[in-house]
Amino acid sequence: MKSKVTVVGAGNVGATTAQRIFEKGHSDVVLIDVVEGIPQGKALDILESGPIVKSDATIIGSNSYEESKDSDIVVITAGVARKPGMSRDDLLITNMNIVGSVTESVILHSKNPIIIVVSNPLDAMVQHCYEKSSLPKERVVGMAGILDTGRFRTFLSSELNVSVNNIDAYVLGGHGDSMVPLLKATTVGGVPVEDLIEKDRLEQIVQRTRDG
């Protein structure tokens, strides 16, 4: 029996997340959004790719949280996206209301899911979701470090014109200005990155990673 994953928010991040989960074939997927027709259409497109990607999972789109009933995992991507010149923190009040409402709706239909928060500003949204859900702390997590690390490795790869597979790097801390790329632990083919890139340029790459 497959597990059940609900993705809330059918925008670019949510739809892509739903597609990747569907392609793995291990979980049936529910894609939820408040805009009528959007999750249904995107879910149908993803479902029809099943024979091509060799996935026999199911995916449905809905505007109702009733379809999320008994989900094992819920991924929250819903929220307002940043516009040019905005920081993640500029989204705080608006997205706090959205994430809070989503969390209440999710918990109404799934009693003990793992919730993965993607909405920005991430750290604040994770805490808000945790408080609203009343779930144990280990069941509410945020998607940050792996994305930030991936971005950092990608930017270093472009700078040095090497494969990302040759870069070892780790980014810790919050998803924003408080993130900390571990430069001393970052290597390219075993060579410390600080030996390959000038300090000022490296700081620019770090800042680009923080800005997302």
N, C-alpha and C. Protein backbone atom coordinates (compact mmCIF):
# COMPACT_ATOMS: atom_id res chain seq x y z
N MET A 1 0.84 -1.20 0.00
CA MET A 1 0.00 0.00 0.00
C MET A 1 0.87 1.25 0.00
N LYS A 2 0.60 2.16 -0.91
CA LYS A 2 1.40 3.38 -1.01
C LYS A 2 1.04 4.35 0.11
N SER A 3 2.03 5.15 0.49
CA SER A 3 1.76 6.24 1.43
C SER A 3 1.01 7.35 0.70
N LYS A 4 0.49 8.29 1.46
CA LYS A 4 -0.28 9.40 0.89
C LYS A 4 0.39 10.71 1.24
N VAL A 5 0.65 11.52 0.21
CA VAL A 5 1.29 12.82 0.40
C VAL A 5 0.38 13.90 -0.17
N THR A 6 0.11 14.90 0.64
CA THR A 6 -0.66 16.05 0.18
C THR A 6 0.26 17.24 0.03
N VAL A 7 0.18 17.90 -1.11
CA VAL A 7 0.93 19.13 -1.36
C VAL A 7 -0.07 20.27 -1.41
N VAL A 8 0.11 21.25 -0.55
CA VAL A 8 -0.81 22.40 -0.50
C VAL A 8 -0.16 23.59 -1.18
N GLY A 9 -0.79 24.05 -2.24
CA GLY A 9 -0.25 25.13 -3.06
C GLY A 9 0.15 24.57 -4.41
N ALA A 10 -0.55 24.98 -5.46
CA ALA A 10 -0.29 24.43 -6.80
C ALA A 10 0.43 25.42 -7.70
N GLY A 11 1.24 26.28 -7.08
CA GLY A 11 2.08 27.17 -7.87
C GLY A 11 3.29 26.43 -8.41
N ASN A 12 4.31 27.17 -8.81
CA ASN A 12 5.48 26.54 -9.41
C ASN A 12 6.14 25.53 -8.47
N VAL A 13 6.35 25.93 -7.22
CA VAL A 13 7.02 25.04 -6.26
C VAL A 13 6.13 23.85 -5.93
N GLY A 14 4.86 24.11 -5.64
CA GLY A 14 3.96 23.03 -5.26
C GLY A 14 3.75 22.02 -6.37
N ALA A 15 3.51 22.50 -7.58
CA ALA A 15 3.27 21.59 -8.70
C ALA A 15 4.52 20.77 -9.03
N THR A 16 5.68 21.42 -8.96
CA THR A 16 6.92 20.69 -9.21
C THR A 16 7.17 19.64 -8.14
N THR A 17 6.90 19.99 -6.89
CA THR A 17 7.04 19.03 -5.79
C THR A 17 6.12 17.84 -6.00
N ALA A 18 4.87 18.11 -6.34
CA ALA A 18 3.92 17.03 -6.58
C ALA A 18 4.38 16.12 -7.72
N GLN A 19 4.92 16.73 -8.76
CA GLN A 19 5.40 15.95 -9.90
C GLN A 19 6.55 15.04 -9.51
N ARG A 20 7.50 15.57 -8.76
CA ARG A 20 8.66 14.76 -8.36
C ARG A 20 8.23 13.60 -7.47
N ILE A 21 7.31 13.85 -6.56
CA ILE A 21 6.83 12.78 -5.68
C ILE A 21 6.11 11.72 -6.51
N PHE A 22 5.27 12.15 -7.43
CA PHE A 22 4.55 11.23 -8.30
C PHE A 22 5.50 10.37 -9.11
N GLU A 23 6.55 10.99 -9.64
CA GLU A 23 7.49 10.27 -10.50
C GLU A 23 8.21 9.15 -9.76
N LYS A 24 8.42 9.32 -8.46
CA LYS A 24 9.08 8.26 -7.68
C LYS A 24 8.19 7.03 -7.57
N GLY A 25 6.88 7.23 -7.61
CA GLY A 25 5.95 6.11 -7.61
C GLY A 25 5.70 5.46 -6.27
N HIS A 26 6.25 6.02 -5.20
CA HIS A 26 6.10 5.40 -3.88
C HIS A 26 4.87 5.90 -3.13
N SER A 27 4.33 7.04 -3.55
CA SER A 27 3.23 7.67 -2.82
C SER A 27 2.15 8.16 -3.77
N ASP A 28 0.91 8.05 -3.32
CA ASP A 28 -0.18 8.70 -4.02
C ASP A 28 -0.23 10.15 -3.56
N VAL A 29 -0.60 11.05 -4.47
CA VAL A 29 -0.45 12.48 -4.23
C VAL A 29 -1.78 13.20 -4.35
N VAL A 30 -2.00 14.15 -3.45
CA VAL A 30 -3.13 15.07 -3.55
C VAL A 30 -2.55 16.48 -3.66
N LEU A 31 -2.96 17.22 -4.67
CA LEU A 31 -2.50 18.59 -4.88
C LEU A 31 -3.68 19.53 -4.62
N ILE A 32 -3.52 20.40 -3.62
CA ILE A 32 -4.62 21.28 -3.20
C ILE A 32 -4.26 22.74 -3.44
N ASP A 33 -5.24 23.50 -3.91
CA ASP A 33 -5.07 24.94 -4.08
C ASP A 33 -6.44 25.61 -3.97
N VAL A 34 -6.44 26.88 -3.60
CA VAL A 34 -7.71 27.60 -3.44
C VAL A 34 -8.30 28.03 -4.78
N VAL A 35 -7.48 28.09 -5.82
CA VAL A 35 -7.95 28.55 -7.12
C VAL A 35 -8.60 27.39 -7.87
N GLU A 36 -9.85 27.52 -8.18
CA GLU A 36 -10.60 26.45 -8.83
C GLU A 36 -10.04 26.14 -10.21
N GLY A 37 -9.83 24.87 -10.47
CA GLY A 37 -9.36 24.41 -11.77
C GLY A 37 -7.85 24.25 -11.87
N ILE A 38 -7.11 25.02 -11.10
CA ILE A 38 -5.64 24.96 -11.20
C ILE A 38 -5.07 23.63 -10.72
N PRO A 39 -5.37 23.19 -9.49
CA PRO A 39 -4.80 21.91 -9.06
C PRO A 39 -5.33 20.73 -9.87
N GLN A 40 -6.58 20.81 -10.30
CA GLN A 40 -7.15 19.73 -11.10
C GLN A 40 -6.41 19.59 -12.43
N GLY A 41 -6.17 20.72 -13.09
CA GLY A 41 -5.49 20.69 -14.38
C GLY A 41 -4.06 20.23 -14.27
N LYS A 42 -3.35 20.74 -13.27
CA LYS A 42 -1.94 20.35 -13.12
C LYS A 42 -1.82 18.88 -12.72
N ALA A 43 -2.73 18.42 -11.86
CA ALA A 43 -2.69 17.01 -11.46
C ALA A 43 -2.96 16.10 -12.65
N LEU A 44 -3.88 16.48 -13.52
CA LEU A 44 -4.18 15.67 -14.71
C LEU A 44 -2.97 15.59 -15.63
N ASP A 45 -2.29 16.72 -15.82
CA ASP A 45 -1.08 16.71 -16.65
C ASP A 45 -0.04 15.76 -16.08
N ILE A 46 0.14 15.81 -14.77
CA ILE A 46 1.13 14.94 -14.12
C ILE A 46 0.72 13.48 -14.23
N LEU A 47 -0.56 13.20 -13.99
CA LEU A 47 -1.06 11.83 -14.06
C LEU A 47 -0.82 11.21 -15.42
N GLU A 48 -1.05 11.99 -16.47
CA GLU A 48 -0.91 11.48 -17.83
C GLU A 48 0.54 11.20 -18.20
N SER A 49 1.48 11.69 -17.39
CA SER A 49 2.89 11.39 -17.64
C SER A 49 3.30 10.06 -17.02
N GLY A 50 2.39 9.45 -16.25
CA GLY A 50 2.70 8.21 -15.55
C GLY A 50 3.30 7.12 -16.42
N PRO A 51 2.67 6.79 -17.57
CA PRO A 51 3.23 5.74 -18.41
C PRO A 51 4.64 6.07 -18.93
N ILE A 52 4.92 7.35 -19.09
CA ILE A 52 6.22 7.76 -19.61
C ILE A 52 7.30 7.64 -18.55
N VAL A 53 6.97 8.04 -17.31
CA VAL A 53 7.97 7.99 -16.24
C VAL A 53 7.89 6.69 -15.46
N LYS A 54 7.00 5.79 -15.92
CA LYS A 54 6.84 4.47 -15.32
C LYS A 54 6.42 4.55 -13.85
N SER A 55 5.46 5.41 -13.59
CA SER A 55 4.89 5.54 -12.25
C SER A 55 3.44 5.09 -12.27
N ASP A 56 3.09 4.19 -11.34
CA ASP A 56 1.69 3.77 -11.24
C ASP A 56 1.00 4.40 -10.04
N ALA A 57 1.60 5.47 -9.51
CA ALA A 57 0.97 6.21 -8.42
C ALA A 57 -0.24 6.97 -8.96
N THR A 58 -1.07 7.46 -8.06
CA THR A 58 -2.19 8.30 -8.46
C THR A 58 -1.94 9.72 -7.98
N ILE A 59 -2.55 10.67 -8.65
CA ILE A 59 -2.51 12.06 -8.21
C ILE A 59 -3.83 12.72 -8.58
N ILE A 60 -4.40 13.44 -7.63
CA ILE A 60 -5.63 14.19 -7.90
C ILE A 60 -5.44 15.63 -7.45
N GLY A 61 -6.14 16.53 -8.10
CA GLY A 61 -6.12 17.93 -7.71
C GLY A 61 -7.47 18.30 -7.12
N SER A 62 -7.45 19.17 -6.13
CA SER A 62 -8.70 19.51 -5.47
C SER A 62 -8.63 20.88 -4.82
N ASN A 63 -9.80 21.46 -4.58
CA ASN A 63 -9.91 22.69 -3.80
C ASN A 63 -10.39 22.39 -2.39
N SER A 64 -10.56 21.12 -2.07
CA SER A 64 -11.10 20.72 -0.77
C SER A 64 -10.07 19.93 0.04
N TYR A 65 -9.94 20.29 1.30
CA TYR A 65 -9.02 19.57 2.18
C TYR A 65 -9.53 18.20 2.56
N GLU A 66 -10.78 17.91 2.26
CA GLU A 66 -11.31 16.58 2.54
C GLU A 66 -10.54 15.51 1.78
N GLU A 67 -10.01 15.88 0.61
CA GLU A 67 -9.23 14.92 -0.18
C GLU A 67 -7.90 14.58 0.48
N SER A 68 -7.48 15.41 1.44
CA SER A 68 -6.19 15.16 2.11
C SER A 68 -6.33 14.21 3.28
N LYS A 69 -7.51 13.71 3.53
CA LYS A 69 -7.79 12.87 4.70
C LYS A 69 -6.77 11.75 4.85
N ASP A 70 -6.26 11.61 6.07
CA ASP A 70 -5.33 10.53 6.44
C ASP A 70 -4.02 10.59 5.66
N SER A 71 -3.54 11.78 5.39
CA SER A 71 -2.24 11.92 4.73
C SER A 71 -1.12 11.54 5.68
N ASP A 72 -0.11 10.87 5.15
CA ASP A 72 1.09 10.55 5.94
C ASP A 72 2.03 11.74 6.01
N ILE A 73 2.11 12.47 4.91
CA ILE A 73 2.99 13.64 4.82
C ILE A 73 2.22 14.77 4.15
N VAL A 74 2.40 15.97 4.67
CA VAL A 74 1.81 17.16 4.06
C VAL A 74 2.93 18.17 3.79
N VAL A 75 3.00 18.64 2.56
CA VAL A 75 4.00 19.65 2.18
C VAL A 75 3.26 20.96 1.95
N ILE A 76 3.63 21.98 2.71
CA ILE A 76 2.96 23.28 2.59
C ILE A 76 3.83 24.23 1.78
N THR A 77 3.38 24.54 0.57
CA THR A 77 4.09 25.51 -0.27
C THR A 77 3.25 26.76 -0.48
N ALA A 78 2.04 26.77 0.07
CA ALA A 78 1.11 27.88 -0.15
C ALA A 78 1.64 29.17 0.45
N GLY A 79 1.35 30.27 -0.22
CA GLY A 79 1.78 31.57 0.28
C GLY A 79 2.04 32.53 -0.87
N VAL A 80 2.28 33.77 -0.51
CA VAL A 80 2.59 34.79 -1.50
C VAL A 80 4.08 34.73 -1.82
N ALA A 81 4.41 34.76 -3.10
CA ALA A 81 5.81 34.71 -3.52
C ALA A 81 6.45 36.09 -3.42
N ARG A 82 7.77 36.09 -3.29
CA ARG A 82 8.50 37.36 -3.24
C ARG A 82 8.47 38.06 -4.60
N LYS A 83 8.39 39.37 -4.55
CA LYS A 83 8.52 40.19 -5.74
C LYS A 83 9.90 40.83 -5.73
N PRO A 84 10.38 41.33 -6.88
CA PRO A 84 11.71 41.95 -6.92
C PRO A 84 11.87 43.01 -5.84
N GLY A 85 13.00 42.93 -5.13
CA GLY A 85 13.30 43.90 -4.09
C GLY A 85 12.77 43.52 -2.72
N MET A 86 11.97 42.46 -2.64
CA MET A 86 11.42 42.03 -1.36
C MET A 86 12.34 41.03 -0.69
N SER A 87 12.38 41.08 0.63
CA SER A 87 13.07 40.04 1.39
C SER A 87 12.04 38.99 1.80
N ARG A 88 12.53 37.85 2.27
CA ARG A 88 11.60 36.83 2.74
C ARG A 88 10.77 37.35 3.91
N ASP A 89 11.39 38.19 4.75
CA ASP A 89 10.68 38.69 5.93
C ASP A 89 9.51 39.61 5.57
N ASP A 90 9.55 40.21 4.38
CA ASP A 90 8.45 41.07 3.95
C ASP A 90 7.13 40.30 3.81
N LEU A 91 7.23 38.99 3.72
CA LEU A 91 6.05 38.16 3.51
C LEU A 91 5.44 37.68 4.82
N LEU A 92 6.02 38.09 5.95
CA LEU A 92 5.70 37.48 7.24
C LEU A 92 4.21 37.46 7.57
N ILE A 93 3.57 38.61 7.62
CA ILE A 93 2.19 38.68 8.09
C ILE A 93 1.24 37.95 7.14
N THR A 94 1.39 38.22 5.85
CA THR A 94 0.50 37.59 4.87
C THR A 94 0.62 36.08 4.90
N ASN A 95 1.84 35.58 4.84
CA ASN A 95 2.02 34.13 4.78
C ASN A 95 1.76 33.45 6.11
N MET A 96 1.92 34.19 7.21
CA MET A 96 1.58 33.61 8.51
C MET A 96 0.09 33.28 8.57
N ASN A 97 -0.72 34.16 8.05
CA ASN A 97 -2.16 33.90 8.02
C ASN A 97 -2.49 32.71 7.13
N ILE A 98 -1.82 32.64 5.98
CA ILE A 98 -2.08 31.55 5.04
C ILE A 98 -1.64 30.22 5.63
N VAL A 99 -0.42 30.16 6.14
CA VAL A 99 0.12 28.91 6.69
C VAL A 99 -0.68 28.47 7.91
N GLY A 100 -1.09 29.43 8.73
CA GLY A 100 -1.91 29.07 9.89
C GLY A 100 -3.22 28.44 9.49
N SER A 101 -3.88 29.02 8.50
CA SER A 101 -5.15 28.49 8.02
C SER A 101 -4.97 27.11 7.39
N VAL A 102 -3.92 26.96 6.59
CA VAL A 102 -3.64 25.67 5.96
C VAL A 102 -3.40 24.60 7.02
N THR A 103 -2.60 24.94 8.02
CA THR A 103 -2.28 23.97 9.07
C THR A 103 -3.54 23.50 9.79
N GLU A 104 -4.41 24.42 10.13
CA GLU A 104 -5.66 24.05 10.80
C GLU A 104 -6.50 23.12 9.93
N SER A 105 -6.55 23.39 8.64
CA SER A 105 -7.34 22.55 7.72
C SER A 105 -6.72 21.17 7.57
N VAL A 106 -5.40 21.13 7.52
CA VAL A 106 -4.70 19.85 7.38
C VAL A 106 -4.94 18.97 8.60
N ILE A 107 -4.78 19.54 9.79
CA ILE A 107 -4.91 18.77 11.02
C ILE A 107 -6.35 18.30 11.24
N LEU A 108 -7.29 19.01 10.67
CA LEU A 108 -8.69 18.61 10.78
C LEU A 108 -8.95 17.27 10.11
N HIS A 109 -8.15 16.97 9.07
CA HIS A 109 -8.39 15.76 8.28
C HIS A 109 -7.30 14.70 8.42
N SER A 110 -6.14 15.08 8.94
CA SER A 110 -5.04 14.12 9.14
C SER A 110 -4.51 14.34 10.55
N LYS A 111 -4.62 13.34 11.40
CA LYS A 111 -4.37 13.53 12.82
C LYS A 111 -2.90 13.53 13.22
N ASN A 112 -2.06 12.85 12.49
CA ASN A 112 -0.66 12.75 12.92
C ASN A 112 0.30 12.74 11.74
N PRO A 113 0.16 13.69 10.82
CA PRO A 113 1.05 13.69 9.65
C PRO A 113 2.42 14.28 9.98
N ILE A 114 3.36 14.03 9.12
CA ILE A 114 4.60 14.81 9.11
C ILE A 114 4.33 16.01 8.20
N ILE A 115 4.61 17.20 8.69
CA ILE A 115 4.39 18.41 7.90
C ILE A 115 5.74 19.01 7.51
N ILE A 116 5.92 19.22 6.22
CA ILE A 116 7.13 19.87 5.71
C ILE A 116 6.74 21.24 5.18
N VAL A 117 7.28 22.28 5.79
CA VAL A 117 6.94 23.65 5.41
C VAL A 117 7.97 24.19 4.42
N VAL A 118 7.47 24.80 3.35
CA VAL A 118 8.34 25.39 2.33
C VAL A 118 8.10 26.90 2.22
N SER A 119 6.96 27.36 2.68
CA SER A 119 6.58 28.78 2.56
C SER A 119 7.54 29.70 3.31
N ASN A 120 7.77 30.88 2.74
CA ASN A 120 8.67 31.87 3.34
C ASN A 120 7.90 32.92 4.14
N PRO A 121 8.57 33.57 5.14
CA PRO A 121 9.92 33.31 5.63
C PRO A 121 9.95 32.00 6.41
N LEU A 122 10.77 31.08 5.97
CA LEU A 122 10.66 29.68 6.35
C LEU A 122 10.69 29.43 7.85
N ASP A 123 11.68 29.97 8.53
CA ASP A 123 11.86 29.65 9.94
C ASP A 123 10.65 30.08 10.76
N ALA A 124 10.13 31.27 10.47
CA ALA A 124 8.95 31.75 11.18
C ALA A 124 7.72 30.91 10.84
N MET A 125 7.62 30.49 9.58
CA MET A 125 6.46 29.69 9.18
C MET A 125 6.48 28.31 9.81
N VAL A 126 7.66 27.73 9.96
CA VAL A 126 7.77 26.42 10.62
C VAL A 126 7.31 26.53 12.07
N GLN A 127 7.77 27.55 12.76
CA GLN A 127 7.38 27.74 14.15
C GLN A 127 5.87 27.97 14.27
N HIS A 128 5.33 28.77 13.38
CA HIS A 128 3.89 29.06 13.41
C HIS A 128 3.08 27.79 13.13
N CYS A 129 3.52 27.02 12.16
CA CYS A 129 2.85 25.76 11.84
C CYS A 129 2.91 24.80 13.02
N TYR A 130 4.05 24.72 13.65
CA TYR A 130 4.22 23.85 14.82
C TYR A 130 3.24 24.23 15.93
N GLU A 131 3.13 25.52 16.21
CA GLU A 131 2.24 25.99 17.26
C GLU A 131 0.77 25.75 16.92
N LYS A 132 0.42 25.93 15.65
CA LYS A 132 -0.96 25.73 15.22
C LYS A 132 -1.36 24.25 15.18
N SER A 133 -0.40 23.41 14.89
CA SER A 133 -0.70 21.99 14.66
C SER A 133 -0.84 21.18 15.94
N SER A 134 -0.13 21.60 16.99
CA SER A 134 -0.06 20.84 18.25
C SER A 134 0.57 19.46 18.05
N LEU A 135 1.30 19.30 16.96
CA LEU A 135 2.02 18.05 16.72
C LEU A 135 3.32 18.04 17.51
N PRO A 136 3.89 16.85 17.75
CA PRO A 136 5.23 16.79 18.34
C PRO A 136 6.23 17.51 17.45
N LYS A 137 7.24 18.11 18.06
CA LYS A 137 8.17 18.94 17.30
C LYS A 137 8.88 18.20 16.18
N GLU A 138 9.08 16.89 16.36
CA GLU A 138 9.79 16.12 15.34
C GLU A 138 8.93 15.87 14.11
N ARG A 139 7.66 16.25 14.13
CA ARG A 139 6.78 16.02 12.99
C ARG A 139 6.49 17.28 12.19
N VAL A 140 7.13 18.38 12.56
CA VAL A 140 7.00 19.62 11.79
C VAL A 140 8.40 20.12 11.45
N VAL A 141 8.73 20.11 10.17
CA VAL A 141 10.08 20.47 9.75
C VAL A 141 10.02 21.46 8.59
N GLY A 142 11.14 22.11 8.35
CA GLY A 142 11.22 23.07 7.25
C GLY A 142 12.24 22.63 6.22
N MET A 143 11.98 22.99 4.99
CA MET A 143 12.90 22.70 3.90
C MET A 143 13.82 23.90 3.73
N ALA A 144 15.06 23.77 4.15
CA ALA A 144 15.97 24.92 4.06
C ALA A 144 17.37 24.48 3.69
N GLY A 145 18.04 23.81 4.62
CA GLY A 145 19.47 23.51 4.44
C GLY A 145 19.81 22.80 3.15
N ILE A 146 18.98 21.85 2.75
CA ILE A 146 19.30 21.10 1.53
C ILE A 146 19.19 21.99 0.30
N LEU A 147 18.20 22.89 0.29
CA LEU A 147 18.06 23.83 -0.82
C LEU A 147 19.20 24.83 -0.84
N ASP A 148 19.51 25.39 0.33
CA ASP A 148 20.58 26.38 0.41
C ASP A 148 21.92 25.76 0.02
N THR A 149 22.15 24.53 0.45
CA THR A 149 23.38 23.84 0.09
C THR A 149 23.44 23.59 -1.41
N GLY A 150 22.31 23.19 -1.98
CA GLY A 150 22.26 22.97 -3.43
C GLY A 150 22.54 24.23 -4.21
N ARG A 151 21.98 25.34 -3.76
CA ARG A 151 22.23 26.62 -4.44
C ARG A 151 23.71 27.00 -4.34
N PHE A 152 24.26 26.86 -3.16
CA PHE A 152 25.66 27.22 -2.95
C PHE A 152 26.57 26.39 -3.85
N ARG A 153 26.32 25.10 -3.92
CA ARG A 153 27.12 24.23 -4.77
C ARG A 153 26.95 24.59 -6.25
N THR A 154 25.72 24.94 -6.63
CA THR A 154 25.46 25.33 -8.02
C THR A 154 26.23 26.59 -8.39
N PHE A 155 26.22 27.59 -7.51
CA PHE A 155 26.91 28.86 -7.79
C PHE A 155 28.42 28.65 -7.85
N LEU A 156 28.95 27.81 -6.97
CA LEU A 156 30.38 27.50 -7.00
C LEU A 156 30.74 26.75 -8.28
N SER A 157 29.87 25.84 -8.69
CA SER A 157 30.10 25.10 -9.93
C SER A 157 30.19 26.04 -11.12
N SER A 158 29.28 27.01 -11.18
CA SER A 158 29.28 27.98 -12.28
C SER A 158 30.52 28.87 -12.24
N GLU A 159 30.90 29.25 -11.05
CA GLU A 159 32.06 30.14 -10.90
C GLU A 159 33.35 29.46 -11.34
N LEU A 160 33.49 28.19 -10.99
CA LEU A 160 34.74 27.47 -11.25
C LEU A 160 34.68 26.59 -12.50
N ASN A 161 33.49 26.51 -13.11
CA ASN A 161 33.31 25.68 -14.30
C ASN A 161 33.71 24.23 -14.04
N VAL A 162 33.19 23.70 -12.94
CA VAL A 162 33.42 22.30 -12.60
C VAL A 162 32.07 21.64 -12.31
N SER A 163 32.07 20.33 -12.28
CA SER A 163 30.84 19.60 -11.98
C SER A 163 30.43 19.81 -10.53
N VAL A 164 29.12 19.94 -10.30
CA VAL A 164 28.64 20.05 -8.92
C VAL A 164 28.97 18.79 -8.13
N ASN A 165 29.16 17.68 -8.83
CA ASN A 165 29.48 16.43 -8.14
C ASN A 165 30.87 16.45 -7.51
N ASN A 166 31.70 17.41 -7.92
CA ASN A 166 33.04 17.53 -7.34
C ASN A 166 33.09 18.50 -6.17
N ILE A 167 31.94 19.07 -5.82
CA ILE A 167 31.90 20.08 -4.77
C ILE A 167 31.23 19.52 -3.52
N ASP A 168 31.93 19.61 -2.41
CA ASP A 168 31.37 19.25 -1.11
C ASP A 168 31.16 20.53 -0.31
N ALA A 169 29.93 20.76 0.12
CA ALA A 169 29.62 21.99 0.85
C ALA A 169 28.42 21.76 1.75
N TYR A 170 28.34 22.57 2.80
CA TYR A 170 27.23 22.49 3.74
C TYR A 170 26.80 23.89 4.14
N VAL A 171 25.50 24.11 4.18
CA VAL A 171 24.96 25.39 4.63
C VAL A 171 24.03 25.13 5.81
N LEU A 172 24.30 25.80 6.91
CA LEU A 172 23.51 25.63 8.13
C LEU A 172 22.75 26.92 8.44
N GLY A 173 21.94 26.88 9.49
CA GLY A 173 21.25 28.08 9.95
C GLY A 173 19.93 28.31 9.25
N GLY A 174 19.41 29.52 9.40
CA GLY A 174 18.10 29.86 8.86
C GLY A 174 18.11 30.01 7.35
N HIS A 175 16.91 30.03 6.80
CA HIS A 175 16.75 30.19 5.35
C HIS A 175 16.60 31.67 5.04
N GLY A 176 17.75 32.36 5.01
CA GLY A 176 17.74 33.81 4.82
C GLY A 176 19.09 34.38 5.22
N ASP A 177 19.08 35.60 5.75
CA ASP A 177 20.33 36.27 6.09
C ASP A 177 21.12 35.58 7.19
N SER A 178 20.46 34.72 7.95
CA SER A 178 21.15 34.05 9.05
C SER A 178 21.79 32.72 8.64
N MET A 179 21.66 32.34 7.37
CA MET A 179 22.28 31.09 6.94
C MET A 179 23.80 31.20 6.97
N VAL A 180 24.45 30.06 7.24
CA VAL A 180 25.90 30.05 7.40
C VAL A 180 26.52 28.97 6.51
N PRO A 181 27.04 29.33 5.35
CA PRO A 181 27.81 28.38 4.56
C PRO A 181 29.13 28.08 5.28
N LEU A 182 29.44 26.81 5.43
CA LEU A 182 30.66 26.42 6.14
C LEU A 182 31.83 26.42 5.17
N LEU A 183 32.44 27.59 5.02
CA LEU A 183 33.50 27.75 4.02
C LEU A 183 34.70 26.87 4.33
N LYS A 184 35.04 26.71 5.59
CA LYS A 184 36.20 25.90 5.96
C LYS A 184 35.99 24.43 5.60
N ALA A 185 34.73 24.04 5.47
CA ALA A 185 34.42 22.64 5.15
C ALA A 185 34.06 22.46 3.68
N THR A 186 34.17 23.53 2.89
CA THR A 186 33.80 23.47 1.48
C THR A 186 35.02 23.17 0.62
N THR A 187 34.93 22.11 -0.16
CA THR A 187 36.05 21.71 -1.00
C THR A 187 35.59 21.46 -2.43
N VAL A 188 36.53 21.60 -3.35
CA VAL A 188 36.29 21.32 -4.76
C VAL A 188 37.33 20.31 -5.20
N GLY A 189 36.89 19.08 -5.43
CA GLY A 189 37.83 18.03 -5.74
C GLY A 189 38.84 17.83 -4.64
N GLY A 190 38.43 18.07 -3.41
CA GLY A 190 39.31 17.91 -2.26
C GLY A 190 40.13 19.14 -1.91
N VAL A 191 40.07 20.16 -2.75
CA VAL A 191 40.84 21.39 -2.53
C VAL A 191 39.95 22.41 -1.82
N PRO A 192 40.41 23.03 -0.74
CA PRO A 192 39.59 24.03 -0.05
C PRO A 192 39.17 25.15 -0.99
N VAL A 193 37.89 25.51 -0.95
CA VAL A 193 37.38 26.53 -1.86
C VAL A 193 38.06 27.88 -1.64
N GLU A 194 38.50 28.14 -0.43
CA GLU A 194 39.16 29.41 -0.13
C GLU A 194 40.52 29.52 -0.81
N ASP A 195 41.05 28.39 -1.29
CA ASP A 195 42.30 28.41 -2.05
C ASP A 195 42.04 28.65 -3.54
N LEU A 196 40.78 28.60 -3.94
CA LEU A 196 40.44 28.68 -5.36
C LEU A 196 39.72 29.97 -5.75
N ILE A 197 39.06 30.60 -4.79
CA ILE A 197 38.28 31.80 -5.07
C ILE A 197 38.68 32.90 -4.11
N GLU A 198 38.89 34.10 -4.63
CA GLU A 198 39.27 35.24 -3.79
C GLU A 198 38.18 35.52 -2.75
N LYS A 199 38.61 36.04 -1.61
CA LYS A 199 37.71 36.25 -0.48
C LYS A 199 36.50 37.12 -0.85
N ASP A 200 36.74 38.23 -1.55
CA ASP A 200 35.64 39.14 -1.90
C ASP A 200 34.64 38.46 -2.82
N ARG A 201 35.15 37.72 -3.79
CA ARG A 201 34.27 37.03 -4.73
C ARG A 201 33.49 35.92 -4.02
N LEU A 202 34.15 35.24 -3.12
CA LEU A 202 33.49 34.17 -2.37
C LEU A 202 32.36 34.73 -1.52
N GLU A 203 32.58 35.91 -0.94
CA GLU A 203 31.52 36.54 -0.14
C GLU A 203 30.33 36.93 -1.01
N GLN A 204 30.60 37.33 -2.25
CA GLN A 204 29.51 37.64 -3.17
C GLN A 204 28.67 36.40 -3.46
N ILE A 205 29.33 35.27 -3.61
CA ILE A 205 28.63 34.01 -3.87
C ILE A 205 27.81 33.60 -2.65
N VAL A 206 28.38 33.81 -1.47
CA VAL A 206 27.66 33.52 -0.23
C VAL A 206 26.41 34.38 -0.13
N GLN A 207 26.55 35.67 -0.44
CA GLN A 207 25.41 36.58 -0.36
C GLN A 207 24.34 36.22 -1.38
N ARG A 208 24.77 35.81 -2.56
CA ARG A 208 23.81 35.38 -3.58
C ARG A 208 23.03 34.16 -3.10
N THR A 209 23.72 33.27 -2.39
CA THR A 209 23.05 32.10 -1.83
C THR A 209 22.02 32.52 -0.80
N ARG A 210 22.37 33.48 0.04
CA ARG A 210 21.43 33.96 1.06
C ARG A 210 20.21 34.62 0.43
N ASP A 211 20.45 35.37 -0.64
CA ASP A 211 19.36 36.08 -1.29
C ASP A 211 18.42 35.14 -2.05
N GLY A 212 18.95 33.98 -2.43
CA GLY A 212 18.12 33.00 -3.14
C GLY A 212 17.79 33.43 -4.55
